[in-house]
Amino acid sequence: MNFNKHFDLEGQHAFLSASKYHWINYDEEKLVFTFTAFQAAQRGTELHEFASRAIDLGVKLPNTKNALNRYVNDAIGFKMQTEQILYYSDNCFGTADTISFRKNFLRIHDLKTGVTPTSMNQLLIYAALFCLEYRVKPEEIEIELRIYQTNDILVYTPSPDEIQNIMQKIIIFDKKIEQIKLGGYEA
């Protein structure tokens, strides 16, 4: 049998793919909801790419209450870097949307394009990863975390203890994962 070649589709997945087979149990209402969420996630990815490019190029957007515009303009104003990987180990790392550290002030901003409520936990982890990677003591710096979503900016100043607790959990959990990988841990 000579199978048809679909070179343009290699490495891609259809929404109604066999590997994501749960859709066979959907009714039309669930299909519409799930596909709409899928489209929103794709749009969010595109908006993040756009924002990152605008920041990197220093292109400010019109001053509005829109979270995207405020996020881009603030990142440019604070001279932040985009899409920065923060690394502790192969078991624990992440990419901060925008970050800066100068004069002992750590600033991390995150753009959320969805409408579901968000959590500051992701940014707290980024702050902990930053402190671990660059060997910075959280009690010796100031930290401001921001989430930009819809027309709001959530601003949070974590305590050094919050960051220190996450740092300790990362260290302990990373060691535990390494033990498991080596087969030296029994549940």
C-alpha atoms as a PDB file:
ATOM      1  CA  MET A   1       0.000   0.000   0.000  1.00  0.00           C
ATOM      2  CA  ASN A   2       1.333   3.408  -0.890  1.00  0.00           C
ATOM      3  CA  PHE A   3       0.080   5.741   1.812  1.00  0.00           C
ATOM      4  CA  ASN A   4      -0.626   9.381   1.020  1.00  0.00           C
ATOM      5  CA  LYS A   5       2.065  11.815   2.150  1.00  0.00           C
ATOM      6  CA  HIS A   6       1.019  14.862   4.174  1.00  0.00           C
ATOM      7  CA  PHE A   7       4.337  16.653   4.637  1.00  0.00           C
ATOM      8  CA  ASP A   8       2.675  19.942   5.593  1.00  0.00           C
ATOM      9  CA  LEU A   9       0.998  18.268   8.583  1.00  0.00           C
ATOM     10  CA  GLU A  10       4.010  16.489  10.074  1.00  0.00           C
ATOM     11  CA  GLY A  11       4.523  17.375  13.725  1.00  0.00           C
ATOM     12  CA  GLN A  12       1.071  18.921  14.012  1.00  0.00           C
ATOM     13  CA  HIS A  13      -2.040  17.712  15.814  1.00  0.00           C
ATOM     14  CA  ALA A  14      -5.608  18.185  14.672  1.00  0.00           C
ATOM     15  CA  PHE A  15      -8.139  19.377  17.209  1.00  0.00           C
ATOM     16  CA  LEU A  16     -10.090  16.165  16.583  1.00  0.00           C
ATOM     17  CA  SER A  17      -7.004  13.982  16.769  1.00  0.00           C
ATOM     18  CA  ALA A  18      -6.753  10.362  17.771  1.00  0.00           C
ATOM     19  CA  SER A  19      -4.193  11.137  20.480  1.00  0.00           C
ATOM     20  CA  LYS A  20      -6.646  13.522  22.166  1.00  0.00           C
ATOM     21  CA  TYR A  21      -9.527  11.122  21.839  1.00  0.00           C
ATOM     22  CA  HIS A  22     -11.806  12.524  24.578  1.00  0.00           C
ATOM     23  CA  TRP A  23     -13.760  14.461  21.958  1.00  0.00           C
ATOM     24  CA  ILE A  24     -15.555  11.286  20.900  1.00  0.00           C
ATOM     25  CA  ASN A  25     -17.547  11.603  24.146  1.00  0.00           C
ATOM     26  CA  TYR A  26     -18.496  15.265  23.573  1.00  0.00           C
ATOM     27  CA  ASP A  27     -21.883  16.526  22.605  1.00  0.00           C
ATOM     28  CA  GLU A  28     -22.064  19.565  20.308  1.00  0.00           C
ATOM     29  CA  GLU A  29     -22.215  21.998  23.248  1.00  0.00           C
ATOM     30  CA  LYS A  30     -19.057  20.549  24.807  1.00  0.00           C
ATOM     31  CA  LEU A  31     -17.357  20.623  21.381  1.00  0.00           C
ATOM     32  CA  VAL A  32     -18.155  24.323  20.933  1.00  0.00           C
ATOM     33  CA  PHE A  33     -16.922  25.152  24.466  1.00  0.00           C
ATOM     34  CA  THR A  34     -13.708  23.134  24.107  1.00  0.00           C
ATOM     35  CA  PHE A  35     -12.876  24.422  20.633  1.00  0.00           C
ATOM     36  CA  THR A  36     -13.516  28.019  21.718  1.00  0.00           C
ATOM     37  CA  ALA A  37     -11.126  27.528  24.648  1.00  0.00           C
ATOM     38  CA  PHE A  38      -8.574  26.016  22.258  1.00  0.00           C
ATOM     39  CA  GLN A  39      -8.837  29.063  19.971  1.00  0.00           C
ATOM     40  CA  ALA A  40      -8.463  31.400  22.962  1.00  0.00           C
ATOM     41  CA  ALA A  41      -5.286  29.581  24.005  1.00  0.00           C
ATOM     42  CA  GLN A  42      -3.867  29.944  20.489  1.00  0.00           C
ATOM     43  CA  ARG A  43      -4.741  33.650  20.514  1.00  0.00           C
ATOM     44  CA  GLY A  44      -3.059  33.986  23.902  1.00  0.00           C
ATOM     45  CA  THR A  45       0.122  32.482  22.486  1.00  0.00           C
ATOM     46  CA  GLU A  46       0.024  34.907  19.563  1.00  0.00           C
ATOM     47  CA  LEU A  47      -0.586  37.887  21.880  1.00  0.00           C
ATOM     48  CA  HIS A  48       2.384  36.841  24.036  1.00  0.00           C
ATOM     49  CA  GLU A  49       4.587  36.638  20.941  1.00  0.00           C
ATOM     50  CA  PHE A  50       3.356  40.055  19.791  1.00  0.00           C
ATOM     51  CA  ALA A  51       3.940  41.615  23.214  1.00  0.00           C
ATOM     52  CA  SER A  52       7.420  40.119  23.479  1.00  0.00           C
ATOM     53  CA  ARG A  53       8.352  41.440  20.030  1.00  0.00           C
ATOM     54  CA  ALA A  54       6.966  44.925  20.777  1.00  0.00           C
ATOM     55  CA  ILE A  55       8.921  45.055  24.055  1.00  0.00           C
ATOM     56  CA  ASP A  56      12.135  43.826  22.439  1.00  0.00           C
ATOM     57  CA  LEU A  57      11.770  46.469  19.727  1.00  0.00           C
ATOM     58  CA  GLY A  58      10.806  49.199  22.212  1.00  0.00           C
ATOM     59  CA  VAL A  59       7.524  49.892  20.422  1.00  0.00           C
ATOM     60  CA  LYS A  60       5.071  51.396  22.902  1.00  0.00           C
ATOM     61  CA  LEU A  61       1.345  50.894  22.417  1.00  0.00           C
ATOM     62  CA  PRO A  62      -1.385  53.530  22.868  1.00  0.00           C
ATOM     63  CA  ASN A  63      -2.048  54.417  26.515  1.00  0.00           C
ATOM     64  CA  THR A  64      -5.303  52.655  27.330  1.00  0.00           C
ATOM     65  CA  LYS A  65      -6.640  50.555  30.204  1.00  0.00           C
ATOM     66  CA  ASN A  66      -6.116  47.437  28.088  1.00  0.00           C
ATOM     67  CA  ALA A  67      -3.854  44.991  29.935  1.00  0.00           C
ATOM     68  CA  LEU A  68      -1.797  44.176  26.841  1.00  0.00           C
ATOM     69  CA  ASN A  69      -0.964  47.830  26.189  1.00  0.00           C
ATOM     70  CA  ARG A  70      -0.149  48.506  29.839  1.00  0.00           C
ATOM     71  CA  TYR A  71       1.955  45.342  30.044  1.00  0.00           C
ATOM     72  CA  VAL A  72       4.021  46.249  26.969  1.00  0.00           C
ATOM     73  CA  ASN A  73       4.457  49.893  27.962  1.00  0.00           C
ATOM     74  CA  ASP A  74       5.398  49.072  31.565  1.00  0.00           C
ATOM     75  CA  ALA A  75       7.924  46.460  30.455  1.00  0.00           C
ATOM     76  CA  ILE A  76       9.530  48.971  28.092  1.00  0.00           C
ATOM     77  CA  GLY A  77       9.481  51.686  30.765  1.00  0.00           C
ATOM     78  CA  PHE A  78      11.092  49.403  33.365  1.00  0.00           C
ATOM     79  CA  LYS A  79      13.624  48.120  30.778  1.00  0.00           C
ATOM     80  CA  MET A  80      12.579  44.519  31.313  1.00  0.00           C
ATOM     81  CA  GLN A  81      13.786  41.448  29.445  1.00  0.00           C
ATOM     82  CA  THR A  82      11.268  39.177  27.776  1.00  0.00           C
ATOM     83  CA  GLU A  83      10.843  35.412  27.859  1.00  0.00           C
ATOM     84  CA  GLN A  84      13.652  34.800  30.351  1.00  0.00           C
ATOM     85  CA  ILE A  85      14.217  31.192  31.405  1.00  0.00           C
ATOM     86  CA  LEU A  86      14.842  30.820  35.131  1.00  0.00           C
ATOM     87  CA  TYR A  87      16.603  27.552  35.899  1.00  0.00           C
ATOM     88  CA  TYR A  88      17.246  25.572  39.042  1.00  0.00           C
ATOM     89  CA  SER A  89      17.507  22.079  37.558  1.00  0.00           C
ATOM     90  CA  ASP A  90      16.155  19.963  34.746  1.00  0.00           C
ATOM     91  CA  ASN A  91      13.294  19.188  37.126  1.00  0.00           C
ATOM     92  CA  CYS A  92      12.456  22.790  37.913  1.00  0.00           C
ATOM     93  CA  PHE A  93      12.648  25.766  35.569  1.00  0.00           C
ATOM     94  CA  GLY A  94      10.252  28.178  33.896  1.00  0.00           C
ATOM     95  CA  THR A  95      10.044  31.163  31.577  1.00  0.00           C
ATOM     96  CA  ALA A  96       9.099  34.546  32.980  1.00  0.00           C
ATOM     97  CA  ASP A  97       7.172  36.734  30.531  1.00  0.00           C
ATOM     98  CA  THR A  98       9.189  39.802  31.578  1.00  0.00           C
ATOM     99  CA  ILE A  99      11.780  40.333  34.299  1.00  0.00           C
ATOM    100  CA  SER A 100      14.300  42.875  35.505  1.00  0.00           C
ATOM    101  CA  PHE A 101      16.744  43.060  38.389  1.00  0.00           C
ATOM    102  CA  ARG A 102      18.592  46.252  39.171  1.00  0.00           C
ATOM    103  CA  LYS A 103      19.489  48.100  42.343  1.00  0.00           C
ATOM    104  CA  ASN A 104      18.402  45.052  44.390  1.00  0.00           C
ATOM    105  CA  PHE A 105      14.855  45.287  43.005  1.00  0.00           C
ATOM    106  CA  LEU A 106      13.396  42.208  41.304  1.00  0.00           C
ATOM    107  CA  ARG A 107      10.427  42.877  39.074  1.00  0.00           C
ATOM    108  CA  ILE A 108       8.472  40.067  37.357  1.00  0.00           C
ATOM    109  CA  HIS A 109       5.418  40.702  35.172  1.00  0.00           C
ATOM    110  CA  ASP A 110       3.055  38.196  33.607  1.00  0.00           C
ATOM    111  CA  LEU A 111       0.478  38.753  30.870  1.00  0.00           C
ATOM    112  CA  LYS A 112      -2.705  36.706  31.164  1.00  0.00           C
ATOM    113  CA  THR A 113      -4.948  36.766  28.131  1.00  0.00           C
ATOM    114  CA  GLY A 114      -7.717  34.524  29.465  1.00  0.00           C
ATOM    115  CA  VAL A 115     -10.664  35.457  31.632  1.00  0.00           C
ATOM    116  CA  THR A 116     -10.340  32.822  34.366  1.00  0.00           C
ATOM    117  CA  PRO A 117      -9.027  34.078  37.711  1.00  0.00           C
ATOM    118  CA  THR A 118      -5.275  33.868  38.041  1.00  0.00           C
ATOM    119  CA  SER A 119      -2.913  33.063  40.871  1.00  0.00           C
ATOM    120  CA  MET A 120       0.248  34.819  41.964  1.00  0.00           C
ATOM    121  CA  ASN A 121       1.819  31.388  42.664  1.00  0.00           C
ATOM    122  CA  GLN A 122       3.423  31.183  39.223  1.00  0.00           C
ATOM    123  CA  LEU A 123       5.225  34.491  39.787  1.00  0.00           C
ATOM    124  CA  LEU A 124       6.243  33.488  43.317  1.00  0.00           C
ATOM    125  CA  ILE A 125       7.896  30.403  41.811  1.00  0.00           C
ATOM    126  CA  TYR A 126       9.699  32.562  39.249  1.00  0.00           C
ATOM    127  CA  ALA A 127      10.999  34.762  42.070  1.00  0.00           C
ATOM    128  CA  ALA A 128      12.208  31.678  43.956  1.00  0.00           C
ATOM    129  CA  LEU A 129      13.878  30.309  40.833  1.00  0.00           C
ATOM    130  CA  PHE A 130      15.585  33.657  40.266  1.00  0.00           C
ATOM    131  CA  CYS A 131      16.924  33.668  43.829  1.00  0.00           C
ATOM    132  CA  LEU A 132      18.155  30.088  43.528  1.00  0.00           C
ATOM    133  CA  GLU A 133      19.769  30.508  40.120  1.00  0.00           C
ATOM    134  CA  TYR A 134      21.531  33.779  40.916  1.00  0.00           C
ATOM    135  CA  ARG A 135      22.181  32.984  44.596  1.00  0.00           C
ATOM    136  CA  VAL A 136      20.248  35.999  45.824  1.00  0.00           C
ATOM    137  CA  LYS A 137      18.796  36.038  49.336  1.00  0.00           C
ATOM    138  CA  PRO A 138      15.143  37.166  49.202  1.00  0.00           C
ATOM    139  CA  GLU A 139      15.537  39.090  52.460  1.00  0.00           C
ATOM    140  CA  GLU A 140      18.245  41.256  50.871  1.00  0.00           C
ATOM    141  CA  ILE A 141      16.154  42.471  47.910  1.00  0.00           C
ATOM    142  CA  GLU A 142      12.789  44.001  47.122  1.00  0.00           C
ATOM    143  CA  ILE A 143      10.376  42.070  44.939  1.00  0.00           C
ATOM    144  CA  GLU A 144       7.335  43.230  43.003  1.00  0.00           C
ATOM    145  CA  LEU A 145       5.161  40.841  41.041  1.00  0.00           C
ATOM    146  CA  ARG A 146       2.475  41.924  38.586  1.00  0.00           C
ATOM    147  CA  ILE A 147      -0.227  40.130  36.647  1.00  0.00           C
ATOM    148  CA  TYR A 148      -1.812  41.987  33.742  1.00  0.00           C
ATOM    149  CA  GLN A 149      -5.252  40.664  32.810  1.00  0.00           C
ATOM    150  CA  THR A 150      -8.229  42.256  31.026  1.00  0.00           C
ATOM    151  CA  ASN A 151      -8.203  45.846  32.334  1.00  0.00           C
ATOM    152  CA  ASP A 152      -6.578  45.060  35.675  1.00  0.00           C
ATOM    153  CA  ILE A 153      -3.086  44.952  37.078  1.00  0.00           C
ATOM    154  CA  LEU A 154      -2.635  42.835  40.184  1.00  0.00           C
ATOM    155  CA  VAL A 155       0.425  43.975  42.118  1.00  0.00           C
ATOM    156  CA  TYR A 156       1.915  41.878  44.902  1.00  0.00           C
ATOM    157  CA  THR A 157       4.927  42.334  47.144  1.00  0.00           C
ATOM    158  CA  PRO A 158       5.818  38.941  48.627  1.00  0.00           C
ATOM    159  CA  SER A 159       7.545  38.545  51.946  1.00  0.00           C
ATOM    160  CA  PRO A 160      11.042  37.058  51.981  1.00  0.00           C
ATOM    161  CA  ASP A 161       9.612  34.100  53.935  1.00  0.00           C
ATOM    162  CA  GLU A 162       7.163  33.292  51.116  1.00  0.00           C
ATOM    163  CA  ILE A 163       9.998  33.129  48.604  1.00  0.00           C
ATOM    164  CA  GLN A 164      12.295  31.251  50.990  1.00  0.00           C
ATOM    165  CA  ASN A 165       9.597  28.604  51.606  1.00  0.00           C
ATOM    166  CA  ILE A 166       9.195  27.997  47.877  1.00  0.00           C
ATOM    167  CA  MET A 167      12.967  27.860  47.436  1.00  0.00           C
ATOM    168  CA  GLN A 168      13.211  25.175  50.124  1.00  0.00           C
ATOM    169  CA  LYS A 169      10.392  23.181  48.544  1.00  0.00           C
ATOM    170  CA  ILE A 170      12.122  23.343  45.163  1.00  0.00           C
ATOM    171  CA  ILE A 171      15.386  22.084  46.684  1.00  0.00           C
ATOM    172  CA  ILE A 172      13.714  19.255  48.614  1.00  0.00           C
ATOM    173  CA  PHE A 173      11.443  18.161  45.753  1.00  0.00           C
ATOM    174  CA  ASP A 174      14.286  18.291  43.249  1.00  0.00           C
ATOM    175  CA  LYS A 175      16.397  15.993  45.451  1.00  0.00           C
ATOM    176  CA  LYS A 176      13.459  13.632  45.863  1.00  0.00           C
ATOM    177  CA  ILE A 177      12.897  13.462  42.095  1.00  0.00           C
ATOM    178  CA  GLU A 178      16.584  12.735  41.554  1.00  0.00           C
ATOM    179  CA  GLN A 179      16.387   9.890  44.110  1.00  0.00           C
ATOM    180  CA  ILE A 180      13.419   8.457  42.242  1.00  0.00           C
ATOM    181  CA  LYS A 181      15.256   8.703  38.933  1.00  0.00           C
ATOM    182  CA  LEU A 182      18.164   6.778  40.388  1.00  0.00           C
ATOM    183  CA  GLY A 183      15.831   4.135  41.785  1.00  0.00           C
ATOM    184  CA  GLY A 184      16.821   4.950  45.347  1.00  0.00           C
ATOM    185  CA  TYR A 185      13.375   5.864  46.610  1.00  0.00           C
ATOM    186  CA  GLU A 186      10.491   3.644  47.596  1.00  0.00           C
ATOM    187  CA  ALA A 187       7.015   5.015  48.147  1.00  0.00           C
END
